[in-house]
Protein backbone atom coordinates (compact mmCIF):
# COMPACT_ATOMS: atom_id res chain seq x y z
CA MET A 1 11.80 -37.51 -12.78
CA THR A 2 11.17 -33.85 -11.91
CA THR A 3 13.54 -31.63 -9.97
CA PRO A 4 12.13 -30.42 -6.63
CA ASN A 5 11.33 -26.72 -6.44
CA PRO A 6 13.71 -25.01 -3.95
CA GLU A 7 11.03 -22.37 -3.30
CA ASP A 8 8.58 -24.99 -1.95
CA PRO A 9 8.00 -24.02 1.72
CA GLN A 10 7.74 -27.65 2.83
CA LEU A 11 11.10 -28.49 1.28
CA ARG A 12 12.67 -25.36 2.76
CA ARG A 13 11.42 -26.27 6.24
CA ALA A 14 12.51 -29.90 5.84
CA ALA A 15 15.97 -28.75 4.76
CA GLY A 16 16.18 -26.47 7.78
CA GLY A 17 16.20 -23.35 5.64
CA PRO A 18 14.35 -20.16 6.47
CA PRO A 19 10.87 -19.68 5.04
CA ARG A 20 10.62 -17.62 1.89
CA PRO A 21 9.85 -13.92 2.56
CA ARG A 22 6.22 -12.93 2.14
CA ALA A 23 5.10 -10.57 -0.60
CA ALA A 24 4.20 -7.04 0.53
CA ASN A 25 0.55 -7.34 -0.49
CA SER A 26 -0.04 -10.87 0.82
CA PRO A 27 -2.21 -11.14 3.92
CA SER A 28 -0.40 -11.41 7.20
CA PRO A 29 -0.48 -14.76 8.92
CA ALA A 30 -2.96 -15.26 11.72
CA PRO A 31 -1.47 -14.69 15.16
CA ALA A 32 -0.50 -17.82 17.02
CA PRO A 33 -3.30 -18.96 19.29
CA VAL A 34 -2.79 -18.31 22.96
CA PRO A 35 -2.93 -21.58 24.86
CA ALA A 36 -6.13 -21.71 26.90
CA PRO A 37 -5.92 -22.48 30.57
CA PRO A 38 -6.94 -26.01 31.40
CA GLU A 39 -10.61 -26.68 31.85
CA PRO A 40 -11.84 -26.90 35.42
CA GLY A 41 -11.83 -30.36 36.90
CA LYS A 42 -14.77 -32.44 38.11
CA ASN A 43 -14.66 -30.96 41.57
CA ALA A 44 -14.42 -27.30 40.43
CA SER A 45 -16.42 -24.65 42.22
CA VAL A 46 -19.33 -22.78 40.65
CA GLU A 47 -17.19 -19.64 40.35
CA GLU A 48 -14.50 -21.53 38.41
CA LEU A 49 -17.11 -23.00 36.08
CA GLU A 50 -18.70 -19.58 35.50
CA ALA A 51 -15.28 -18.01 34.82
CA ASP A 52 -14.46 -20.79 32.36
CA LEU A 53 -17.84 -20.31 30.66
CA ALA A 54 -17.30 -16.51 30.39
CA ARG A 55 -13.80 -17.04 28.96
CA THR A 56 -15.09 -19.57 26.43
CA ARG A 57 -17.90 -17.19 25.37
CA HIS A 58 -15.38 -14.38 24.95
CA GLU A 59 -13.07 -16.57 22.82
CA LEU A 60 -16.01 -17.73 20.73
CA GLY A 61 -17.11 -14.12 20.19
CA GLU A 62 -13.61 -13.16 19.02
CA THR A 63 -13.51 -16.12 16.65
CA VAL A 64 -16.93 -15.30 15.18
CA GLY A 65 -15.88 -11.65 14.79
CA ALA A 66 -12.70 -12.63 12.98
CA LEU A 67 -14.60 -14.96 10.65
CA ALA A 68 -17.24 -12.32 9.97
CA GLY A 69 -14.48 -9.83 9.11
CA LYS A 70 -12.95 -12.26 6.63
CA LEU A 71 -16.32 -12.90 4.99
CA ASP A 72 -17.38 -9.21 4.82
CA VAL A 73 -16.49 -8.44 1.21
CA LYS A 74 -17.90 -4.90 1.35
CA ALA A 75 -15.73 -4.00 4.34
CA GLN A 76 -12.65 -5.43 2.64
CA ALA A 77 -13.45 -3.46 -0.52
CA ARG A 78 -13.93 -0.26 1.51
CA GLU A 79 -10.59 -0.84 3.23
CA GLN A 80 -8.83 -1.33 -0.12
CA VAL A 81 -10.46 1.85 -1.45
CA GLU A 82 -9.23 3.78 1.58
CA VAL A 83 -5.71 2.44 1.13
CA ALA A 84 -5.78 3.39 -2.56
CA LYS A 85 -7.10 6.87 -1.74
CA SER A 86 -4.39 7.51 0.82
CA ARG A 87 -1.73 6.29 -1.63
CA LEU A 88 -3.10 8.60 -4.34
CA VAL A 89 -3.18 11.59 -1.99
CA GLU A 90 0.44 10.89 -1.04
CA GLN A 91 1.48 10.62 -4.71
CA ARG A 92 -0.44 13.81 -5.56
CA ASP A 93 1.35 15.72 -2.80
CA GLU A 94 4.74 14.41 -3.94
CA ALA A 95 3.94 15.41 -7.54
CA ARG A 96 2.94 18.91 -6.43
CA GLU A 97 6.20 19.31 -4.56
CA HIS A 98 8.16 18.06 -7.57
CA VAL A 99 6.37 20.44 -9.95
CA ALA A 100 6.81 23.40 -7.61
CA THR A 101 10.54 22.67 -7.33
CA TYR A 102 10.88 22.26 -11.09
CA LEU A 103 9.02 25.52 -11.81
CA THR A 104 11.16 27.41 -9.31
CA GLU A 105 14.32 26.08 -10.94
CA ALA A 106 13.00 26.82 -14.45
CA LYS A 107 12.06 30.36 -13.45
CA GLY A 108 15.56 30.86 -12.05
CA ARG A 109 17.06 29.79 -15.37
CA VAL A 110 15.07 32.22 -17.53
CA THR A 111 15.03 35.31 -15.29
CA ASP A 112 17.78 37.55 -13.98
CA GLU A 113 18.25 38.81 -10.41
CA ARG A 114 15.49 41.41 -10.86
CA GLY A 115 12.99 38.87 -12.23
CA ARG A 116 13.19 40.05 -15.83
CA PRO A 117 13.43 37.52 -18.68
CA THR A 118 16.97 36.83 -19.88
CA LYS A 119 18.15 36.74 -23.49
CA ASN A 120 17.87 32.93 -23.49
CA ALA A 121 14.26 33.14 -22.33
CA TRP A 122 13.33 35.39 -25.24
CA LEU A 123 15.12 33.09 -27.67
CA GLY A 124 13.22 30.11 -26.27
CA VAL A 125 9.85 31.86 -26.56
CA THR A 126 10.65 32.96 -30.12
CA ALA A 127 11.75 29.43 -31.13
CA ALA A 128 8.63 27.86 -29.58
CA GLY A 129 6.43 30.35 -31.44
CA ALA A 130 8.19 29.61 -34.73
CA VAL A 131 7.76 25.86 -34.26
CA ALA A 132 4.08 26.28 -33.38
CA THR A 133 3.56 28.41 -36.51
CA VAL A 134 5.28 25.87 -38.79
CA VAL A 135 3.29 23.00 -37.28
CA ALA A 136 0.02 24.93 -37.65
CA ILE A 137 0.75 25.67 -41.33
CA CYS A 138 2.07 22.21 -42.27
CA TRP A 139 -0.36 20.07 -40.25
CA PRO A 140 -2.66 18.24 -42.61
CA ARG A 141 -6.23 19.41 -42.36
CA ARG A 142 -9.11 17.04 -42.71
């Protein structure tokens, strides 16, 4: 006998528990349908019948539009591309800010009040040059 999965939504609802939270990238549930007004009776006037017909056409048009949107793969792909682009632009801007802050802090560490390199800056440049020279000499050539 298998143990029931506590994450099963049917079991959670049957047990009276809350539904499991949705993942961030999962599609949102369809909105609950608005109850339609009752259809006109047998002795309805022409105006009531025409209003009911117009409302039904409008609802049908919305339904067809929603279905067409779900079946339009190109539009969905374009939307995902736009979301990805905006996310990349945001990340790029954050990275630029981070780099600018880091460079400002690094410049403050290696320069004095007048903007001249400090003794530590010269030592760092000299050490980096020595390491680059040793690597260039010792690196195996093909």
